[in-house]
PDB file of N, CA and C in Angstrom:
ATOM      1  N   MET A   1       0.834  -1.167   0.000  1.00  0.00           N
ATOM      2  CA  MET A   1       0.000   0.000   0.000  1.00  0.00           C
ATOM      3  C   MET A   1       0.887   1.242   0.000  1.00  0.00           C
ATOM      4  N   ALA A   2       1.254   1.756   1.170  1.00  0.00           N
ATOM      5  CA  ALA A   2       2.060   2.974   1.262  1.00  0.00           C
ATOM      6  C   ALA A   2       3.499   2.692   0.853  1.00  0.00           C
ATOM      7  N   HIS A   3       4.122   3.699   0.277  1.00  0.00           N
ATOM      8  CA  HIS A   3       5.531   3.662  -0.112  1.00  0.00           C
ATOM      9  C   HIS A   3       6.168   4.918   0.447  1.00  0.00           C
ATOM     10  N   VAL A   4       7.038   4.760   1.451  1.00  0.00           N
ATOM     11  CA  VAL A   4       7.589   5.891   2.189  1.00  0.00           C
ATOM     12  C   VAL A   4       9.099   5.723   2.331  1.00  0.00           C
ATOM     13  N   GLY A   5       9.823   6.814   2.202  1.00  0.00           N
ATOM     14  CA  GLY A   5      11.262   6.788   2.442  1.00  0.00           C
ATOM     15  C   GLY A   5      12.062   7.270   1.258  1.00  0.00           C
ATOM     16  N   ARG A   6      13.355   7.140   1.387  1.00  0.00           N
ATOM     17  CA  ARG A   6      14.303   7.665   0.391  1.00  0.00           C
ATOM     18  C   ARG A   6      14.035   7.130  -1.020  1.00  0.00           C
ATOM     19  N   ARG A   7      13.811   5.840  -1.143  1.00  0.00           N
ATOM     20  CA  ARG A   7      13.583   5.226  -2.459  1.00  0.00           C
ATOM     21  C   ARG A   7      12.419   5.888  -3.187  1.00  0.00           C
ATOM     22  N   TYR A   8      11.474   6.425  -2.416  1.00  0.00           N
ATOM     23  CA  TYR A   8      10.255   6.986  -2.997  1.00  0.00           C
ATOM     24  C   TYR A   8      10.252   8.514  -2.991  1.00  0.00           C
ATOM     25  N   GLY A   9      11.438   9.112  -2.803  1.00  0.00           N
ATOM     26  CA  GLY A   9      11.570  10.558  -2.907  1.00  0.00           C
ATOM     27  C   GLY A   9      11.275  11.335  -1.646  1.00  0.00           C
ATOM     28  N   ASP A  10      11.138  10.669  -0.514  1.00  0.00           N
ATOM     29  CA  ASP A  10      10.872  11.357   0.752  1.00  0.00           C
ATOM     30  C   ASP A  10      12.178  11.713   1.451  1.00  0.00           C
ATOM     31  N   ASP A  11      12.161  12.799   2.203  1.00  0.00           N
ATOM     32  CA  ASP A  11      13.319  13.214   3.002  1.00  0.00           C
ATOM     33  C   ASP A  11      13.271  12.541   4.370  1.00  0.00           C
ATOM     34  N   LEU A  12      13.200  11.236   4.369  1.00  0.00           N
ATOM     35  CA  LEU A  12      13.030  10.475   5.601  1.00  0.00           C
ATOM     36  C   LEU A  12      13.715   9.131   5.454  1.00  0.00           C
ATOM     37  N   ASP A  13      14.537   8.780   6.445  1.00  0.00           N
ATOM     38  CA  ASP A  13      15.057   7.422   6.526  1.00  0.00           C
ATOM     39  C   ASP A  13      13.989   6.610   7.254  1.00  0.00           C
ATOM     40  N   ALA A  14      13.162   5.927   6.494  1.00  0.00           N
ATOM     41  CA  ALA A  14      12.013   5.221   7.053  1.00  0.00           C
ATOM     42  C   ALA A  14      12.412   3.870   7.624  1.00  0.00           C
ATOM     43  N   ARG A  15      11.886   3.561   8.800  1.00  0.00           N
ATOM     44  CA  ARG A  15      12.096   2.278   9.468  1.00  0.00           C
ATOM     45  C   ARG A  15      10.743   1.716   9.869  1.00  0.00           C
ATOM     46  N   ALA A  16      10.450   0.508   9.444  1.00  0.00           N
ATOM     47  CA  ALA A  16       9.182  -0.132   9.768  1.00  0.00           C
ATOM     48  C   ALA A  16       8.965  -0.166  11.273  1.00  0.00           C
ATOM     49  N   GLY A  17       7.789   0.228  11.704  1.00  0.00           N
ATOM     50  CA  GLY A  17       7.424   0.171  13.113  1.00  0.00           C
ATOM     51  C   GLY A  17       8.007   1.267  13.971  1.00  0.00           C
ATOM     52  N   SER A  18       8.772   2.179  13.388  1.00  0.00           N
ATOM     53  CA  SER A  18       9.382   3.253  14.173  1.00  0.00           C
ATOM     54  C   SER A  18       8.333   4.317  14.510  1.00  0.00           C
ATOM     55  N   PRO A  19       8.601   5.140  15.522  1.00  0.00           N
ATOM     56  CA  PRO A  19       7.669   6.225  15.847  1.00  0.00           C
ATOM     57  C   PRO A  19       7.391   7.137  14.646  1.00  0.00           C
ATOM     58  N   ALA A  20       8.384   7.338  13.791  1.00  0.00           N
ATOM     59  CA  ALA A  20       8.193   8.180  12.604  1.00  0.00           C
ATOM     60  C   ALA A  20       7.171   7.579  11.633  1.00  0.00           C
ATOM     61  N   LEU A  21       7.000   6.251  11.680  1.00  0.00           N
ATOM     62  CA  LEU A  21       6.053   5.585  10.774  1.00  0.00           C
ATOM     63  C   LEU A  21       4.697   5.338  11.421  1.00  0.00           C
ATOM     64  N   ALA A  22       4.537   5.724  12.683  1.00  0.00           N
ATOM     65  CA  ALA A  22       3.243   5.547  13.363  1.00  0.00           C
ATOM     66  C   ALA A  22       2.147   6.337  12.653  1.00  0.00           C
ATOM     67  N   GLY A  23       2.464   7.521  12.163  1.00  0.00           N
ATOM     68  CA  GLY A  23       1.480   8.318  11.438  1.00  0.00           C
ATOM     69  C   GLY A  23       1.072   7.674  10.130  1.00  0.00           C
ATOM     70  N   VAL A  24       2.019   7.007   9.474  1.00  0.00           N
ATOM     71  CA  VAL A  24       1.700   6.281   8.243  1.00  0.00           C
ATOM     72  C   VAL A  24       0.730   5.145   8.569  1.00  0.00           C
ATOM     73  N   GLU A  25       1.011   4.407   9.632  1.00  0.00           N
ATOM     74  CA  GLU A  25       0.110   3.317  10.013  1.00  0.00           C
ATOM     75  C   GLU A  25      -1.279   3.848  10.337  1.00  0.00           C
ATOM     76  N   GLU A  26      -1.346   4.947  11.063  1.00  0.00           N
ATOM     77  CA  GLU A  26      -2.653   5.514  11.424  1.00  0.00           C
ATOM     78  C   GLU A  26      -3.427   5.901  10.166  1.00  0.00           C
ATOM     79  N   ARG A  27      -2.762   6.534   9.216  1.00  0.00           N
ATOM     80  CA  ARG A  27      -3.433   6.927   7.970  1.00  0.00           C
ATOM     81  C   ARG A  27      -3.806   5.702   7.139  1.00  0.00           C
ATOM     82  N   ASP A  28      -2.932   4.697   7.074  1.00  0.00           N
ATOM     83  CA  ASP A  28      -3.271   3.447   6.388  1.00  0.00           C
ATOM     84  C   ASP A  28      -4.528   2.837   6.994  1.00  0.00           C
ATOM     85  N   ARG A  29      -4.570   2.788   8.312  1.00  0.00           N
ATOM     86  CA  ARG A  29      -5.705   2.157   8.989  1.00  0.00           C
ATOM     87  C   ARG A  29      -7.006   2.940   8.784  1.00  0.00           C
ATOM     88  N   ARG A  30      -6.922   4.249   8.659  1.00  0.00           N
ATOM     89  CA  ARG A  30      -8.132   5.028   8.342  1.00  0.00           C
ATOM     90  C   ARG A  30      -8.643   4.659   6.956  1.00  0.00           C
ATOM     91  N   ARG A  31      -7.740   4.519   6.012  1.00  0.00           N
ATOM     92  CA  ARG A  31      -8.131   4.114   4.659  1.00  0.00           C
ATOM     93  C   ARG A  31      -8.699   2.699   4.671  1.00  0.00           C
ATOM     94  N   ILE A  32      -8.060   1.810   5.396  1.00  0.00           N
ATOM     95  CA  ILE A  32      -8.539   0.431   5.500  1.00  0.00           C
ATOM     96  C   ILE A  32      -9.928   0.393   6.122  1.00  0.00           C
ATOM     97  N   ALA A  33     -10.165   1.216   7.142  1.00  0.00           N
ATOM     98  CA  ALA A  33     -11.488   1.257   7.777  1.00  0.00           C
ATOM     99  C   ALA A  33     -12.552   1.696   6.774  1.00  0.00           C
ATOM    100  N   ALA A  34     -12.244   2.685   5.948  1.00  0.00           N
ATOM    101  CA  ALA A  34     -13.205   3.117   4.927  1.00  0.00           C
ATOM    102  C   ALA A  34     -13.472   1.983   3.937  1.00  0.00           C
ATOM    103  N   LEU A  35     -12.416   1.261   3.548  1.00  0.00           N
ATOM    104  CA  LEU A  35     -12.598   0.111   2.667  1.00  0.00           C
ATOM    105  C   LEU A  35     -13.510  -0.928   3.319  1.00  0.00           C
ATOM    106  N   ALA A  36     -13.231  -1.250   4.575  1.00  0.00           N
ATOM    107  CA  ALA A  36     -14.006  -2.267   5.283  1.00  0.00           C
ATOM    108  C   ALA A  36     -15.469  -1.869   5.432  1.00  0.00           C
ATOM    109  N   GLN A  37     -15.729  -0.573   5.485  1.00  0.00           N
ATOM    110  CA  GLN A  37     -17.107  -0.090   5.581  1.00  0.00           C
ATOM    111  C   GLN A  37     -17.773  -0.006   4.210  1.00  0.00           C
ATOM    112  N   GLY A  38     -17.020  -0.294   3.162  1.00  0.00           N
ATOM    113  CA  GLY A  38     -17.572  -0.203   1.814  1.00  0.00           C
ATOM    114  C   GLY A  38     -17.792   1.236   1.372  1.00  0.00           C
ATOM    115  N   ASP A  39     -17.079   2.162   1.989  1.00  0.00           N
ATOM    116  CA  ASP A  39     -17.249   3.599   1.731  1.00  0.00           C
ATOM    117  C   ASP A  39     -16.275   4.055   0.646  1.00  0.00           C
ATOM    118  N   ALA A  40     -16.665   3.885  -0.607  1.00  0.00           N
ATOM    119  CA  ALA A  40     -15.790   4.232  -1.727  1.00  0.00           C
ATOM    120  C   ALA A  40     -15.436   5.710  -1.725  1.00  0.00           C
ATOM    121  N   GLU A  41     -16.420   6.567  -1.522  1.00  0.00           N
ATOM    122  CA  GLU A  41     -16.163   8.016  -1.567  1.00  0.00           C
ATOM    123  C   GLU A  41     -15.276   8.451  -0.400  1.00  0.00           C
ATOM    124  N   GLY A  42     -15.550   7.938   0.790  1.00  0.00           N
ATOM    125  CA  GLY A  42     -14.726   8.260   1.948  1.00  0.00           C
ATOM    126  C   GLY A  42     -13.297   7.775   1.771  1.00  0.00           C
ATOM    127  N   PHE A  43     -13.143   6.575   1.220  1.00  0.00           N
ATOM    128  CA  PHE A  43     -11.821   6.034   0.942  1.00  0.00           C
ATOM    129  C   PHE A  43     -11.074   6.947  -0.028  1.00  0.00           C
ATOM    130  N   TRP A  44     -11.750   7.346  -1.107  1.00  0.00           N
ATOM    131  CA  TRP A  44     -11.081   8.156  -2.121  1.00  0.00           C
ATOM    132  C   TRP A  44     -10.692   9.528  -1.577  1.00  0.00           C
ATOM    133  N   GLU A  45     -11.514  10.093  -0.705  1.00  0.00           N
ATOM    134  CA  GLU A  45     -11.152  11.366  -0.073  1.00  0.00           C
ATOM    135  C   GLU A  45      -9.873  11.220   0.761  1.00  0.00           C
ATOM    136  N   LEU A  46      -9.749  10.103   1.464  1.00  0.00           N
ATOM    137  CA  LEU A  46      -8.543   9.860   2.263  1.00  0.00           C
ATOM    138  C   LEU A  46      -7.318   9.678   1.366  1.00  0.00           C
ATOM    139  N   VAL A  47      -7.488   9.041   0.223  1.00  0.00           N
ATOM    140  CA  VAL A  47      -6.383   8.870  -0.723  1.00  0.00           C
ATOM    141  C   VAL A  47      -5.953  10.229  -1.272  1.00  0.00           C
ATOM    142  N   ARG A  48      -6.914  11.077  -1.553  1.00  0.00           N
ATOM    143  CA  ARG A  48      -6.610  12.389  -2.143  1.00  0.00           C
ATOM    144  C   ARG A  48      -5.960  13.348  -1.145  1.00  0.00           C
ATOM    145  N   GLU A  49      -6.113  13.082   0.157  1.00  0.00           N
ATOM    146  CA  GLU A  49      -5.477  13.911   1.180  1.00  0.00           C
ATOM    147  C   GLU A  49      -3.979  14.010   0.920  1.00  0.00           C
ATOM    148  N   GLY A  50      -3.455  15.212   0.887  1.00  0.00           N
ATOM    149  CA  GLY A  50      -2.018  15.388   0.680  1.00  0.00           C
ATOM    150  C   GLY A  50      -1.550  14.919  -0.685  1.00  0.00           C
ATOM    151  N   ASP A  51      -2.461  14.915  -1.676  1.00  0.00           N
ATOM    152  CA  ASP A  51      -2.129  14.433  -3.027  1.00  0.00           C
ATOM    153  C   ASP A  51      -1.531  13.030  -2.997  1.00  0.00           C
ATOM    154  N   ASP A  52      -2.089  12.189  -2.158  1.00  0.00           N
ATOM    155  CA  ASP A  52      -1.632  10.806  -1.954  1.00  0.00           C
ATOM    156  C   ASP A  52      -0.124  10.742  -1.697  1.00  0.00           C
ATOM    157  N   ASP A  53       0.300  11.526  -0.719  1.00  0.00           N
ATOM    158  CA  ASP A  53       1.723  11.532  -0.351  1.00  0.00           C
ATOM    159  C   ASP A  53       2.197  10.188   0.189  1.00  0.00           C
ATOM    160  N   LEU A  54       1.273   9.296   0.528  1.00  0.00           N
ATOM    161  CA  LEU A  54       1.668   7.946   0.949  1.00  0.00           C
ATOM    162  C   LEU A  54       1.978   7.049  -0.254  1.00  0.00           C
ATOM    163  N   LYS A  55       1.635   7.533  -1.438  1.00  0.00           N
ATOM    164  CA  LYS A  55       1.913   6.812  -2.681  1.00  0.00           C
ATOM    165  C   LYS A  55       1.371   5.380  -2.618  1.00  0.00           C
ATOM    166  N   TRP A  56       0.097   5.288  -2.322  1.00  0.00           N
ATOM    167  CA  TRP A  56      -0.563   3.988  -2.182  1.00  0.00           C
ATOM    168  C   TRP A  56      -0.692   3.310  -3.536  1.00  0.00           C
ATOM    169  N   CYS A  57      -0.108   2.158  -3.698  1.00  0.00           N
ATOM    170  CA  CYS A  57      -0.373   1.387  -4.912  1.00  0.00           C
ATOM    171  C   CYS A  57      -1.698   0.646  -4.695  1.00  0.00           C
ATOM    172  N   GLY A  58      -2.424   0.483  -5.736  1.00  0.00           N
ATOM    173  CA  GLY A  58      -3.685  -0.248  -5.637  1.00  0.00           C
ATOM    174  C   GLY A  58      -4.878   0.581  -5.227  1.00  0.00           C
ATOM    175  N   ALA A  59      -4.716   1.879  -5.016  1.00  0.00           N
ATOM    176  CA  ALA A  59      -5.844   2.697  -4.581  1.00  0.00           C
ATOM    177  C   ALA A  59      -6.961   2.719  -5.629  1.00  0.00           C
ATOM    178  N   SER A  60      -6.599   2.894  -6.885  1.00  0.00           N
ATOM    179  CA  SER A  60      -7.621   2.944  -7.944  1.00  0.00           C
ATOM    180  C   SER A  60      -8.371   1.622  -8.084  1.00  0.00           C
ATOM    181  N   PRO A  61      -7.666   0.474  -8.123  1.00  0.00           N
ATOM    182  CA  PRO A  61      -8.410  -0.792  -8.198  1.00  0.00           C
ATOM    183  C   PRO A  61      -9.288  -1.040  -6.961  1.00  0.00           C
ATOM    184  N   LEU A  62      -8.827  -0.625  -5.786  1.00  0.00           N
ATOM    185  CA  LEU A  62      -9.648  -0.804  -4.582  1.00  0.00           C
ATOM    186  C   LEU A  62     -10.912   0.053  -4.660  1.00  0.00           C
ATOM    187  N   TYR A  63     -10.768   1.283  -5.127  1.00  0.00           N
ATOM    188  CA  TYR A  63     -11.928   2.158  -5.310  1.00  0.00           C
ATOM    189  C   TYR A  63     -12.900   1.525  -6.314  1.00  0.00           C
ATOM    190  N   ALA A  64     -12.368   1.051  -7.443  1.00  0.00           N
ATOM    191  CA  ALA A  64     -13.207   0.417  -8.458  1.00  0.00           C
ATOM    192  C   ALA A  64     -13.898  -0.829  -7.899  1.00  0.00           C
ATOM    193  N   PHE A  65     -13.178  -1.606  -7.102  1.00  0.00           N
ATOM    194  CA  PHE A  65     -13.765  -2.791  -6.460  1.00  0.00           C
ATOM    195  C   PHE A  65     -14.970  -2.407  -5.612  1.00  0.00           C
ATOM    196  N   LEU A  66     -14.809  -1.371  -4.783  1.00  0.00           N
ATOM    197  CA  LEU A  66     -15.919  -0.936  -3.933  1.00  0.00           C
ATOM    198  C   LEU A  66     -17.101  -0.466  -4.765  1.00  0.00           C
ATOM    199  N   LYS A  67     -16.826   0.302  -5.810  1.00  0.00           N
ATOM    200  CA  LYS A  67     -17.906   0.818  -6.656  1.00  0.00           C
ATOM    201  C   LYS A  67     -18.611  -0.315  -7.404  1.00  0.00           C
ATOM    202  N   ALA A  68     -17.847  -1.297  -7.870  1.00  0.00           N
ATOM    203  CA  ALA A  68     -18.415  -2.368  -8.690  1.00  0.00           C
ATOM    204  C   ALA A  68     -19.149  -3.424  -7.876  1.00  0.00           C
ATOM    205  N   THR A  69     -18.667  -3.723  -6.694  1.00  0.00           N
ATOM    206  CA  THR A  69     -19.240  -4.837  -5.941  1.00  0.00           C
ATOM    207  C   THR A  69     -20.082  -4.415  -4.745  1.00  0.00           C
ATOM    208  N   ALA A  70     -19.861  -3.198  -4.242  1.00  0.00           N
ATOM    209  CA  ALA A  70     -20.584  -2.703  -3.068  1.00  0.00           C
ATOM    210  C   ALA A  70     -20.660  -3.753  -1.956  1.00  0.00           C
ATOM    211  N   PRO A  71     -19.489  -4.216  -1.467  1.00  0.00           N
ATOM    212  CA  PRO A  71     -19.529  -5.207  -0.382  1.00  0.00           C
ATOM    213  C   PRO A  71     -20.172  -4.597   0.856  1.00  0.00           C
ATOM    214  N   SER A  72     -20.890  -5.414   1.600  1.00  0.00           N
ATOM    215  CA  SER A  72     -21.578  -4.901   2.787  1.00  0.00           C
ATOM    216  C   SER A  72     -20.702  -4.943   4.027  1.00  0.00           C
ATOM    217  N   ARG A  73     -19.600  -5.640   3.937  1.00  0.00           N
ATOM    218  CA  ARG A  73     -18.714  -5.709   5.100  1.00  0.00           C
ATOM    219  C   ARG A  73     -17.307  -6.082   4.652  1.00  0.00           C
ATOM    220  N   GLY A  74     -16.377  -5.713   5.483  1.00  0.00           N
ATOM    221  CA  GLY A  74     -14.988  -6.077   5.247  1.00  0.00           C
ATOM    222  C   GLY A  74     -14.277  -6.125   6.585  1.00  0.00           C
ATOM    223  N   ALA A  75     -13.158  -6.790   6.605  1.00  0.00           N
ATOM    224  CA  ALA A  75     -12.391  -6.887   7.846  1.00  0.00           C
ATOM    225  C   ALA A  75     -10.907  -6.905   7.530  1.00  0.00           C
ATOM    226  N   LEU A  76     -10.157  -6.229   8.368  1.00  0.00           N
ATOM    227  CA  LEU A  76      -8.716  -6.269   8.293  1.00  0.00           C
ATOM    228  C   LEU A  76      -8.248  -7.563   8.955  1.00  0.00           C
ATOM    229  N   LEU A  77      -7.504  -8.360   8.222  1.00  0.00           N
ATOM    230  CA  LEU A  77      -6.973  -9.608   8.770  1.00  0.00           C
ATOM    231  C   LEU A  77      -5.560  -9.426   9.304  1.00  0.00           C
ATOM    232  N   ARG A  78      -4.774  -8.578   8.618  1.00  0.00           N
ATOM    233  CA  ARG A  78      -3.399  -8.340   9.070  1.00  0.00           C
ATOM    234  C   ARG A  78      -2.858  -7.083   8.406  1.00  0.00           C
ATOM    235  N   TYR A  79      -2.047  -6.346   9.164  1.00  0.00           N
ATOM    236  CA  TYR A  79      -1.378  -5.146   8.662  1.00  0.00           C
ATOM    237  C   TYR A  79       0.095  -5.230   9.035  1.00  0.00           C
ATOM    238  N   GLU A  80       0.968  -4.863   8.112  1.00  0.00           N
ATOM    239  CA  GLU A  80       2.410  -4.878   8.369  1.00  0.00           C
ATOM    240  C   GLU A  80       3.082  -3.729   7.631  1.00  0.00           C
ATOM    241  N   GLN A  81       4.255  -3.351   8.129  1.00  0.00           N
ATOM    242  CA  GLN A  81       5.178  -2.469   7.427  1.00  0.00           C
ATOM    243  C   GLN A  81       6.469  -3.256   7.254  1.00  0.00           C
ATOM    244  N   TRP A  82       7.153  -3.046   6.126  1.00  0.00           N
ATOM    245  CA  TRP A  82       8.366  -3.794   5.838  1.00  0.00           C
ATOM    246  C   TRP A  82       9.391  -2.879   5.196  1.00  0.00           C
ATOM    247  N   ASN A  83      10.633  -2.959   5.659  1.00  0.00           N
ATOM    248  CA  ASN A  83      11.725  -2.205   5.042  1.00  0.00           C
ATOM    249  C   ASN A  83      12.155  -2.903   3.765  1.00  0.00           C
ATOM    250  N   ILE A  84      11.912  -2.249   2.650  1.00  0.00           N
ATOM    251  CA  ILE A  84      12.334  -2.780   1.351  1.00  0.00           C
ATOM    252  C   ILE A  84      13.821  -2.525   1.142  1.00  0.00           C
ATOM    253  N   ASP A  85      14.347  -1.525   1.821  1.00  0.00           N
ATOM    254  CA  ASP A  85      15.778  -1.251   1.916  1.00  0.00           C
ATOM    255  C   ASP A  85      15.985  -0.521   3.243  1.00  0.00           C
ATOM    256  N   PRO A  86      17.212  -0.186   3.632  1.00  0.00           N
ATOM    257  CA  PRO A  86      17.427   0.408   4.953  1.00  0.00           C
ATOM    258  C   PRO A  86      16.750   1.756   5.198  1.00  0.00           C
ATOM    259  N   ALA A  87      16.299   2.435   4.147  1.00  0.00           N
ATOM    260  CA  ALA A  87      15.708   3.766   4.329  1.00  0.00           C
ATOM    261  C   ALA A  87      14.321   3.909   3.717  1.00  0.00           C
ATOM    262  N   SER A  88      13.689   2.787   3.349  1.00  0.00           N
ATOM    263  CA  SER A  88      12.384   2.855   2.683  1.00  0.00           C
ATOM    264  C   SER A  88      11.467   1.738   3.164  1.00  0.00           C
ATOM    265  N   VAL A  89      10.201   2.092   3.316  1.00  0.00           N
ATOM    266  CA  VAL A  89       9.203   1.164   3.858  1.00  0.00           C
ATOM    267  C   VAL A  89       8.007   1.071   2.917  1.00  0.00           C
ATOM    268  N   VAL A  90       7.466  -0.136   2.808  1.00  0.00           N
ATOM    269  CA  VAL A  90       6.167  -0.352   2.181  1.00  0.00           C
ATOM    270  C   VAL A  90       5.243  -0.942   3.252  1.00  0.00           C
ATOM    271  N   SER A  91       3.972  -0.619   3.137  1.00  0.00           N
ATOM    272  CA  SER A  91       2.995  -1.238   4.038  1.00  0.00           C
ATOM    273  C   SER A  91       2.111  -2.150   3.205  1.00  0.00           C
ATOM    274  N   PHE A  92       1.550  -3.152   3.867  1.00  0.00           N
ATOM    275  CA  PHE A  92       0.653  -4.066   3.175  1.00  0.00           C
ATOM    276  C   PHE A  92      -0.345  -4.631   4.169  1.00  0.00           C
ATOM    277  N   ALA A  93      -1.446  -5.132   3.628  1.00  0.00           N
ATOM    278  CA  ALA A  93      -2.502  -5.650   4.486  1.00  0.00           C
ATOM    279  C   ALA A  93      -3.252  -6.761   3.772  1.00  0.00           C
ATOM    280  N   ALA A  94      -3.887  -7.580   4.573  1.00  0.00           N
ATOM    281  CA  ALA A  94      -4.818  -8.582   4.068  1.00  0.00           C
ATOM    282  C   ALA A  94      -6.198  -8.204   4.575  1.00  0.00           C
ATOM    283  N   LEU A  95      -7.151  -8.163   3.657  1.00  0.00           N
ATOM    284  CA  LEU A  95      -8.527  -7.834   4.005  1.00  0.00           C
ATOM    285  C   LEU A  95      -9.451  -8.901   3.438  1.00  0.00           C
ATOM    286  N   ALA A  96     -10.573  -9.083   4.071  1.00  0.00           N
ATOM    287  CA  ALA A  96     -11.595 -10.007   3.579  1.00  0.00           C
ATOM    288  C   ALA A  96     -12.888  -9.221   3.421  1.00  0.00           C
ATOM    289  N   PHE A  97     -13.609  -9.476   2.339  1.00  0.00           N
ATOM    290  CA  PHE A  97     -14.872  -8.798   2.070  1.00  0.00           C
ATOM    291  C   PHE A  97     -15.966  -9.814   1.832  1.00  0.00           C
ATOM    292  N   GLY A  98     -17.180  -9.429   2.169  1.00  0.00           N
ATOM    293  CA  GLY A  98     -18.304 -10.305   1.935  1.00  0.00           C
ATOM    294  C   GLY A  98     -19.615  -9.564   2.066  1.00  0.00           C
ATOM    295  N   ARG A  99     -20.661 -10.317   1.996  1.00  0.00           N
ATOM    296  CA  ARG A  99     -22.003  -9.767   2.157  1.00  0.00           C
ATOM    297  C   ARG A  99     -22.630 -10.469   3.354  1.00  0.00           C
ATOM    298  N   GLY A 100     -23.402  -9.764   4.115  1.00  0.00           N
ATOM    299  CA  GLY A 100     -24.025 -10.338   5.291  1.00  0.00           C
ATOM    300  C   GLY A 100     -23.873  -9.429   6.481  1.00  0.00           C
ATOM    301  N   GLU A 101     -24.227  -9.951   7.651  1.00  0.00           N
ATOM    302  CA  GLU A 101     -24.263  -9.109   8.833  1.00  0.00           C
ATOM    303  C   GLU A 101     -22.964  -9.091   9.610  1.00  0.00           C
ATOM    304  N   ALA A 102     -22.311 -10.205   9.762  1.00  0.00           N
ATOM    305  CA  ALA A 102     -21.128 -10.274  10.622  1.00  0.00           C
ATOM    306  C   ALA A 102     -19.863 -10.262   9.799  1.00  0.00           C
ATOM    307  N   ALA A 103     -18.938  -9.424  10.178  1.00  0.00           N
ATOM    308  CA  ALA A 103     -17.627  -9.396   9.531  1.00  0.00           C
ATOM    309  C   ALA A 103     -16.802 -10.562  10.050  1.00  0.00           C
ATOM    310  N   PRO A 104     -15.930 -11.119   9.212  1.00  0.00           N
ATOM    311  CA  PRO A 104     -15.080 -12.202   9.686  1.00  0.00           C
ATOM    312  C   PRO A 104     -14.128 -11.685  10.767  1.00  0.00           C
ATOM    313  N   PRO A 105     -13.725 -12.557  11.684  1.00  0.00           N
ATOM    314  CA  PRO A 105     -12.792 -12.114  12.721  1.00  0.00           C
ATOM    315  C   PRO A 105     -11.489 -11.679  12.084  1.00  0.00           C
ATOM    316  N   GLY A 106     -10.842 -10.708  12.703  1.00  0.00           N
ATOM    317  CA  GLY A 106      -9.588 -10.223  12.141  1.00  0.00           C
ATOM    318  C   GLY A 106      -8.708  -9.637  13.224  1.00  0.00           C
ATOM    319  N   GLU A 107      -7.455  -9.521  12.903  1.00  0.00           N
ATOM    320  CA  GLU A 107      -6.482  -8.925  13.809  1.00  0.00           C
ATOM    321  C   GLU A 107      -6.766  -7.434  13.914  1.00  0.00           C
ATOM    322  N   GLY A 108      -7.243  -6.992  15.041  1.00  0.00           N
ATOM    323  CA  GLY A 108      -7.480  -5.584  15.265  1.00  0.00           C
ATOM    324  C   GLY A 108      -8.717  -5.048  14.603  1.00  0.00           C
ATOM    325  N   GLY A 109      -9.319  -5.772  13.681  1.00  0.00           N
ATOM    326  CA  GLY A 109     -10.499  -5.287  12.985  1.00  0.00           C
ATOM    327  C   GLY A 109     -10.213  -4.013  12.221  1.00  0.00           C
ATOM    328  N   ALA A 110     -11.188  -3.594  11.476  1.00  0.00           N
ATOM    329  CA  ALA A 110     -11.036  -2.333  10.732  1.00  0.00           C
ATOM    330  C   ALA A 110     -12.238  -1.463  10.967  1.00  0.00           C
TER     331      ALA A 110
END
């Protein structure tokens, strides 16, 4: 999802899980929550914040997925940050979507 650090043109030596990346995780999780709620417009507004300075890959397909399928529920199964090199981080997540009343159990939920 997010691409942060020197490799991606940021003036930051990014380290996964560091206090400097806590804000990235918080913003990622806000976007994930909008996805899990099936809120395409809310998700897209969050992506547009700061001209997508998080450089989220997959934002357009995720928006299209929400618009095309209108899932009634989603859940975050796992979220991670990973150092792709010593000064750059990517974030990624696993989500599950479905229709019905109860969201599948997940790590931390969304």
